[in-house]
PDB file of N, CA and C in Angstrom:
ATOM      1  N   MET A   1      31.888  -8.074  13.956  1.00  0.00           N
ATOM      2  CA  MET A   1      32.789  -8.010  12.762  1.00  0.00           C
ATOM      3  C   MET A   1      34.031  -7.254  12.974  1.00  0.00           C
ATOM      4  N   THR A   2      34.961  -7.678  12.548  1.00  0.00           N
ATOM      5  CA  THR A   2      36.406  -6.881  13.227  1.00  0.00           C
ATOM      6  C   THR A   2      36.740  -5.646  11.869  1.00  0.00           C
ATOM      7  N   ASP A   3      36.530  -5.985  10.894  1.00  0.00           N
ATOM      8  CA  ASP A   3      36.929  -5.182   9.859  1.00  0.00           C
ATOM      9  C   ASP A   3      35.706  -4.732   8.935  1.00  0.00           C
ATOM     10  N   LEU A   4      34.874  -3.643   9.319  1.00  0.00           N
ATOM     11  CA  LEU A   4      33.616  -3.317   8.747  1.00  0.00           C
ATOM     12  C   LEU A   4      34.232  -2.653   7.215  1.00  0.00           C
ATOM     13  N   ASP A   5      35.135  -1.860   7.531  1.00  0.00           N
ATOM     14  CA  ASP A   5      35.457  -1.047   6.153  1.00  0.00           C
ATOM     15  C   ASP A   5      35.875  -2.128   4.785  1.00  0.00           C
ATOM     16  N   ALA A   6      36.530  -3.326   5.404  1.00  0.00           N
ATOM     17  CA  ALA A   6      36.848  -4.146   4.133  1.00  0.00           C
ATOM     18  C   ALA A   6      35.418  -5.044   3.900  1.00  0.00           C
ATOM     19  N   ILE A   7      34.758  -5.278   4.642  1.00  0.00           N
ATOM     20  CA  ILE A   7      33.565  -5.899   4.141  1.00  0.00           C
ATOM     21  C   ILE A   7      32.563  -4.944   3.218  1.00  0.00           C
ATOM     22  N   HIS A   8      32.785  -3.531   3.596  1.00  0.00           N
ATOM     23  CA  HIS A   8      31.952  -2.715   2.936  1.00  0.00           C
ATOM     24  C   HIS A   8      32.658  -2.821   1.585  1.00  0.00           C
ATOM     25  N   ALA A   9      33.870  -2.555   1.423  1.00  0.00           N
ATOM     26  CA  ALA A   9      34.449  -2.420   0.058  1.00  0.00           C
ATOM     27  C   ALA A   9      34.217  -3.599  -0.607  1.00  0.00           C
ATOM     28  N   ARG A  10      34.301  -4.825  -0.331  1.00  0.00           N
ATOM     29  CA  ARG A  10      33.942  -6.089  -0.782  1.00  0.00           C
ATOM     30  C   ARG A  10      32.580  -6.175  -1.187  1.00  0.00           C
ATOM     31  N   ALA A  11      31.419  -5.360  -0.371  1.00  0.00           N
ATOM     32  CA  ALA A  11      30.565  -5.441  -1.018  1.00  0.00           C
ATOM     33  C   ALA A  11      30.037  -4.526  -1.938  1.00  0.00           C
ATOM     34  N   ALA A  12      30.734  -3.156  -2.031  1.00  0.00           N
ATOM     35  CA  ALA A  12      30.917  -2.384  -3.105  1.00  0.00           C
ATOM     36  C   ALA A  12      31.272  -3.143  -4.424  1.00  0.00           C
ATOM     37  N   SER A  13      32.351  -3.694  -4.474  1.00  0.00           N
ATOM     38  CA  SER A  13      32.927  -4.638  -5.444  1.00  0.00           C
ATOM     39  C   SER A  13      31.893  -5.383  -6.142  1.00  0.00           C
ATOM     40  N   LEU A  14      30.845  -5.803  -5.206  1.00  0.00           N
ATOM     41  CA  LEU A  14      30.058  -6.879  -5.508  1.00  0.00           C
ATOM     42  C   LEU A  14      28.730  -6.269  -6.269  1.00  0.00           C
ATOM     43  N   ASN A  15      28.699  -4.929  -6.134  1.00  0.00           N
ATOM     44  CA  ASN A  15      27.312  -4.149  -6.162  1.00  0.00           C
ATOM     45  C   ASN A  15      26.240  -4.652  -5.443  1.00  0.00           C
ATOM     46  N   ALA A  16      26.674  -4.895  -4.173  1.00  0.00           N
ATOM     47  CA  ALA A  16      25.753  -5.259  -3.325  1.00  0.00           C
ATOM     48  C   ALA A  16      25.170  -4.117  -2.101  1.00  0.00           C
ATOM     49  N   LEU A  17      25.787  -3.015  -2.346  1.00  0.00           N
ATOM     50  CA  LEU A  17      25.375  -2.006  -1.369  1.00  0.00           C
ATOM     51  C   LEU A  17      23.846  -1.499  -1.543  1.00  0.00           C
ATOM     52  N   SER A  18      23.184  -1.388  -0.477  1.00  0.00           N
ATOM     53  CA  SER A  18      21.974  -1.082  -0.474  1.00  0.00           C
ATOM     54  C   SER A  18      21.624   0.557  -1.072  1.00  0.00           C
ATOM     55  N   ASP A  19      20.637   0.788  -1.787  1.00  0.00           N
ATOM     56  CA  ASP A  19      20.539   2.072  -2.303  1.00  0.00           C
ATOM     57  C   ASP A  19      19.162   2.797  -1.668  1.00  0.00           C
ATOM     58  N   GLU A  20      18.470   1.950  -0.651  1.00  0.00           N
ATOM     59  CA  GLU A  20      17.211   2.445   0.067  1.00  0.00           C
ATOM     60  C   GLU A  20      17.793   3.443   1.086  1.00  0.00           C
ATOM     61  N   SER A  21      16.784   4.582   1.453  1.00  0.00           N
ATOM     62  CA  SER A  21      17.042   5.217   2.477  1.00  0.00           C
ATOM     63  C   SER A  21      16.638   5.036   3.724  1.00  0.00           C
ATOM     64  N   VAL A  22      18.079   5.185   4.748  1.00  0.00           N
ATOM     65  CA  VAL A  22      17.623   4.575   6.177  1.00  0.00           C
ATOM     66  C   VAL A  22      18.206   5.827   6.813  1.00  0.00           C
ATOM     67  N   HIS A  23      16.724   6.278   7.523  1.00  0.00           N
ATOM     68  CA  HIS A  23      17.028   7.466   8.364  1.00  0.00           C
ATOM     69  C   HIS A  23      17.588   8.520   7.780  1.00  0.00           C
ATOM     70  N   GLY A  24      17.150   8.911   6.319  1.00  0.00           N
ATOM     71  CA  GLY A  24      17.787  10.103   5.564  1.00  0.00           C
ATOM     72  C   GLY A  24      19.060   9.724   4.925  1.00  0.00           C
ATOM     73  N   GLN A  25      19.519   8.615   5.254  1.00  0.00           N
ATOM     74  CA  GLN A  25      21.028   8.257   4.608  1.00  0.00           C
ATOM     75  C   GLN A  25      20.911   7.334   3.907  1.00  0.00           C
ATOM     76  N   ARG A  26      21.717   6.978   2.632  1.00  0.00           N
ATOM     77  CA  ARG A  26      21.800   6.080   1.795  1.00  0.00           C
ATOM     78  C   ARG A  26      22.219   4.703   2.582  1.00  0.00           C
ATOM     79  N   GLY A  27      21.533   3.506   2.503  1.00  0.00           N
ATOM     80  CA  GLY A  27      21.615   2.514   3.478  1.00  0.00           C
ATOM     81  C   GLY A  27      23.021   1.770   3.041  1.00  0.00           C
ATOM     82  N   GLY A  28      23.731   1.880   1.754  1.00  0.00           N
ATOM     83  CA  GLY A  28      25.016   1.314   1.545  1.00  0.00           C
ATOM     84  C   GLY A  28      26.108   1.995   2.099  1.00  0.00           C
ATOM     85  N   ASP A  29      25.948   3.535   2.662  1.00  0.00           N
ATOM     86  CA  ASP A  29      26.984   4.187   3.215  1.00  0.00           C
ATOM     87  C   ASP A  29      26.862   3.654   4.594  1.00  0.00           C
ATOM     88  N   ILE A  30      28.406   3.729   5.008  1.00  0.00           N
ATOM     89  CA  ILE A  30      28.714   3.414   6.282  1.00  0.00           C
ATOM     90  C   ILE A  30      28.137   4.580   7.345  1.00  0.00           C
ATOM     91  N   SER A  31      27.407   4.206   8.380  1.00  0.00           N
ATOM     92  CA  SER A  31      27.020   5.317   9.361  1.00  0.00           C
ATOM     93  C   SER A  31      27.367   4.865  10.561  1.00  0.00           C
ATOM     94  N   VAL A  32      27.525   5.869  11.551  1.00  0.00           N
ATOM     95  CA  VAL A  32      27.776   5.850  12.925  1.00  0.00           C
ATOM     96  C   VAL A  32      26.955   6.436  13.768  1.00  0.00           C
ATOM     97  N   LYS A  33      26.492   5.566  14.660  1.00  0.00           N
ATOM     98  CA  LYS A  33      25.267   6.035  15.678  1.00  0.00           C
ATOM     99  C   LYS A  33      26.043   6.596  16.714  1.00  0.00           C
ATOM    100  N   PRO A  34      25.113   7.330  17.461  1.00  0.00           N
ATOM    101  CA  PRO A  34      25.500   8.010  18.856  1.00  0.00           C
ATOM    102  C   PRO A  34      26.334   7.063  19.719  1.00  0.00           C
ATOM    103  N   TRP A  35      25.675   5.713  19.735  1.00  0.00           N
ATOM    104  CA  TRP A  35      26.483   4.886  20.672  1.00  0.00           C
ATOM    105  C   TRP A  35      27.470   4.249  20.205  1.00  0.00           C
ATOM    106  N   ARG A  36      28.347   4.509  19.113  1.00  0.00           N
ATOM    107  CA  ARG A  36      29.299   4.265  18.290  1.00  0.00           C
ATOM    108  C   ARG A  36      29.370   3.011  17.382  1.00  0.00           C
ATOM    109  N   GLU A  37      28.164   2.523  17.045  1.00  0.00           N
ATOM    110  CA  GLU A  37      27.903   1.568  16.333  1.00  0.00           C
ATOM    111  C   GLU A  37      28.149   1.959  14.832  1.00  0.00           C
ATOM    112  N   ARG A  38      28.956   1.312  14.069  1.00  0.00           N
ATOM    113  CA  ARG A  38      28.986   1.634  12.647  1.00  0.00           C
ATOM    114  C   ARG A  38      28.398   0.374  11.863  1.00  0.00           C
ATOM    115  N   SER A  39      27.545   0.720  10.820  1.00  0.00           N
ATOM    116  CA  SER A  39      26.761  -0.027  10.101  1.00  0.00           C
ATOM    117  C   SER A  39      26.439   0.507   8.757  1.00  0.00           C
ATOM    118  N   PHE A  40      25.934  -0.612   7.698  1.00  0.00           N
ATOM    119  CA  PHE A  40      25.626  -0.286   6.662  1.00  0.00           C
ATOM    120  C   PHE A  40      24.837  -1.348   6.177  1.00  0.00           C
ATOM    121  N   TYR A  41      23.916  -1.246   5.096  1.00  0.00           N
ATOM    122  CA  TYR A  41      23.139  -2.288   4.526  1.00  0.00           C
ATOM    123  C   TYR A  41      23.460  -2.994   3.374  1.00  0.00           C
ATOM    124  N   VAL A  42      23.375  -3.962   2.872  1.00  0.00           N
ATOM    125  CA  VAL A  42      23.484  -4.866   1.715  1.00  0.00           C
ATOM    126  C   VAL A  42      22.442  -5.250   1.321  1.00  0.00           C
ATOM    127  N   ASN A  43      22.115  -5.760   0.056  1.00  0.00           N
ATOM    128  CA  ASN A  43      21.194  -6.472  -0.616  1.00  0.00           C
ATOM    129  C   ASN A  43      21.622  -7.979  -1.033  1.00  0.00           C
ATOM    130  N   ASP A  44      21.139  -9.028  -0.339  1.00  0.00           N
ATOM    131  CA  ASP A  44      21.417 -10.231  -0.935  1.00  0.00           C
ATOM    132  C   ASP A  44      20.978 -10.659  -2.561  1.00  0.00           C
ATOM    133  N   PRO A  45      21.351 -11.613  -2.913  1.00  0.00           N
ATOM    134  CA  PRO A  45      20.930 -11.907  -4.196  1.00  0.00           C
ATOM    135  C   PRO A  45      19.546 -11.763  -4.490  1.00  0.00           C
ATOM    136  N   TRP A  46      18.884 -12.078  -3.551  1.00  0.00           N
ATOM    137  CA  TRP A  46      17.185 -11.893  -3.520  1.00  0.00           C
ATOM    138  C   TRP A  46      16.545 -10.736  -3.374  1.00  0.00           C
ATOM    139  N   GLY A  47      17.558  -9.597  -3.384  1.00  0.00           N
ATOM    140  CA  GLY A  47      16.858  -8.336  -2.666  1.00  0.00           C
ATOM    141  C   GLY A  47      16.646  -8.284  -1.297  1.00  0.00           C
ATOM    142  N   ILE A  48      16.945  -9.147  -0.629  1.00  0.00           N
ATOM    143  CA  ILE A  48      16.631  -8.769   0.780  1.00  0.00           C
ATOM    144  C   ILE A  48      17.810  -7.940   1.366  1.00  0.00           C
ATOM    145  N   SER A  49      17.163  -6.941   2.524  1.00  0.00           N
ATOM    146  CA  SER A  49      18.465  -6.155   3.074  1.00  0.00           C
ATOM    147  C   SER A  49      18.616  -6.624   4.346  1.00  0.00           C
ATOM    148  N   LEU A  50      20.191  -6.613   4.103  1.00  0.00           N
ATOM    149  CA  LEU A  50      20.601  -7.324   5.586  1.00  0.00           C
ATOM    150  C   LEU A  50      21.867  -6.164   6.002  1.00  0.00           C
ATOM    151  N   LEU A  51      21.500  -6.186   7.169  1.00  0.00           N
ATOM    152  CA  LEU A  51      22.462  -4.862   8.155  1.00  0.00           C
ATOM    153  C   LEU A  51      23.821  -5.739   8.525  1.00  0.00           C
ATOM    154  N   ARG A  52      24.968  -4.953   8.123  1.00  0.00           N
ATOM    155  CA  ARG A  52      26.033  -5.355   8.867  1.00  0.00           C
ATOM    156  C   ARG A  52      26.592  -4.362   9.689  1.00  0.00           C
ATOM    157  N   GLN A  53      26.976  -4.696  10.876  1.00  0.00           N
ATOM    158  CA  GLN A  53      27.466  -3.521  11.888  1.00  0.00           C
ATOM    159  C   GLN A  53      28.852  -4.154  12.920  1.00  0.00           C
ATOM    160  N   ALA A  54      29.419  -3.148  13.112  1.00  0.00           N
ATOM    161  CA  ALA A  54      30.334  -3.217  14.225  1.00  0.00           C
ATOM    162  C   ALA A  54      30.240  -2.334  15.445  1.00  0.00           C
ATOM    163  N   GLY A  55      30.459  -3.019  16.484  1.00  0.00           N
ATOM    164  CA  GLY A  55      30.417  -1.968  17.705  1.00  0.00           C
ATOM    165  C   GLY A  55      29.545  -2.043  18.682  1.00  0.00           C
ATOM    166  N   THR A  56      28.591  -3.002  18.436  1.00  0.00           N
ATOM    167  CA  THR A  56      27.591  -3.277  19.319  1.00  0.00           C
ATOM    168  C   THR A  56      27.620  -4.523  19.850  1.00  0.00           C
ATOM    169  N   VAL A  57      27.540  -4.683  21.170  1.00  0.00           N
ATOM    170  CA  VAL A  57      27.580  -6.076  21.898  1.00  0.00           C
ATOM    171  C   VAL A  57      26.119  -6.273  22.497  1.00  0.00           C
ATOM    172  N   TYR A  58      25.723  -7.360  22.031  1.00  0.00           N
ATOM    173  CA  TYR A  58      24.118  -7.854  22.728  1.00  0.00           C
ATOM    174  C   TYR A  58      24.483  -8.597  23.811  1.00  0.00           C
ATOM    175  N   ALA A  59      24.139  -8.207  25.037  1.00  0.00           N
ATOM    176  CA  ALA A  59      24.271  -9.145  26.161  1.00  0.00           C
ATOM    177  C   ALA A  59      22.904  -9.707  26.675  1.00  0.00           C
ATOM    178  N   GLY A  60      22.052 -10.106  25.868  1.00  0.00           N
ATOM    179  CA  GLY A  60      20.869 -10.746  26.460  1.00  0.00           C
ATOM    180  C   GLY A  60      19.937 -10.923  25.533  1.00  0.00           C
TER     181      GLY A  60
END
Protein backbone atom coordinates (compact mmCIF):
# COMPACT_ATOMS: atom_id res chain seq x y z
CA MET A 1 0.00 0.00 0.00
CA THR A 2 1.30 3.37 -0.87
CA ASP A 3 -0.78 5.72 1.27
CA LEU A 4 -1.68 4.01 4.53
CA ASP A 5 -2.81 7.28 6.11
CA ALA A 6 -5.40 7.88 3.38
CA ILE A 7 -6.65 4.29 3.65
CA HIS A 8 -6.88 4.68 7.44
CA ALA A 9 -8.85 7.92 7.06
CA ARG A 10 -11.25 6.26 4.60
CA ALA A 11 -11.74 3.28 6.92
CA ALA A 12 -12.44 5.69 9.79
CA SER A 13 -15.03 7.55 7.71
CA LEU A 14 -16.76 4.20 7.08
CA ASN A 15 -16.63 3.30 10.79
CA ALA A 16 -14.64 0.19 9.84
CA LEU A 17 -11.66 0.51 12.21
CA SER A 18 -11.23 -2.37 14.63
CA ASP A 19 -11.87 -1.80 18.34
CA GLU A 20 -10.14 -5.06 19.31
CA SER A 21 -6.97 -4.97 21.39
CA VAL A 22 -3.87 -6.04 19.46
CA HIS A 23 -0.72 -6.34 21.60
CA GLY A 24 -2.14 -3.84 24.09
CA GLN A 25 -3.12 -1.26 21.49
CA ARG A 26 -6.45 -0.55 19.78
CA GLY A 27 -6.34 -2.47 16.49
CA GLY A 28 -7.77 0.44 14.50
CA ASP A 29 -4.88 2.72 15.46
CA ILE A 30 -1.85 2.83 13.16
CA SER A 31 1.04 1.09 14.88
CA VAL A 32 4.71 1.11 13.89
CA LYS A 33 6.69 -2.09 14.38
CA PRO A 34 10.45 -2.18 15.17
CA TRP A 35 11.09 -3.27 11.55
CA ARG A 36 9.26 -0.07 10.40
CA GLU A 37 6.06 -1.74 9.25
CA ARG A 38 3.02 0.50 9.73
CA SER A 39 -0.29 -1.28 10.12
CA PHE A 40 -3.83 -1.22 11.45
CA TYR A 41 -6.86 -3.50 11.49
CA VAL A 42 -10.29 -2.98 9.95
CA ASN A 43 -13.49 -5.00 10.17
CA ASP A 44 -15.26 -5.99 6.98
CA PRO A 45 -19.09 -5.87 6.78
CA TRP A 46 -19.28 -9.43 8.16
CA GLY A 47 -17.12 -8.62 11.21
CA ILE A 48 -13.94 -10.26 9.94
CA SER A 49 -10.74 -8.45 11.02
CA LEU A 50 -8.36 -7.59 8.19
CA LEU A 51 -4.79 -6.27 8.49
CA ARG A 52 -3.75 -3.31 6.34
CA GLN A 53 -0.02 -2.69 6.32
CA ALA A 54 2.76 -0.82 4.56
CA GLY A 55 6.51 -1.23 4.72
CA THR A 56 6.94 -5.00 4.71
CA VAL A 57 8.08 -6.82 1.59
CA TYR A 58 7.50 -10.56 1.51
CA ALA A 59 10.20 -12.19 -0.61
CA GLY A 60 9.20 -15.80 -0.41
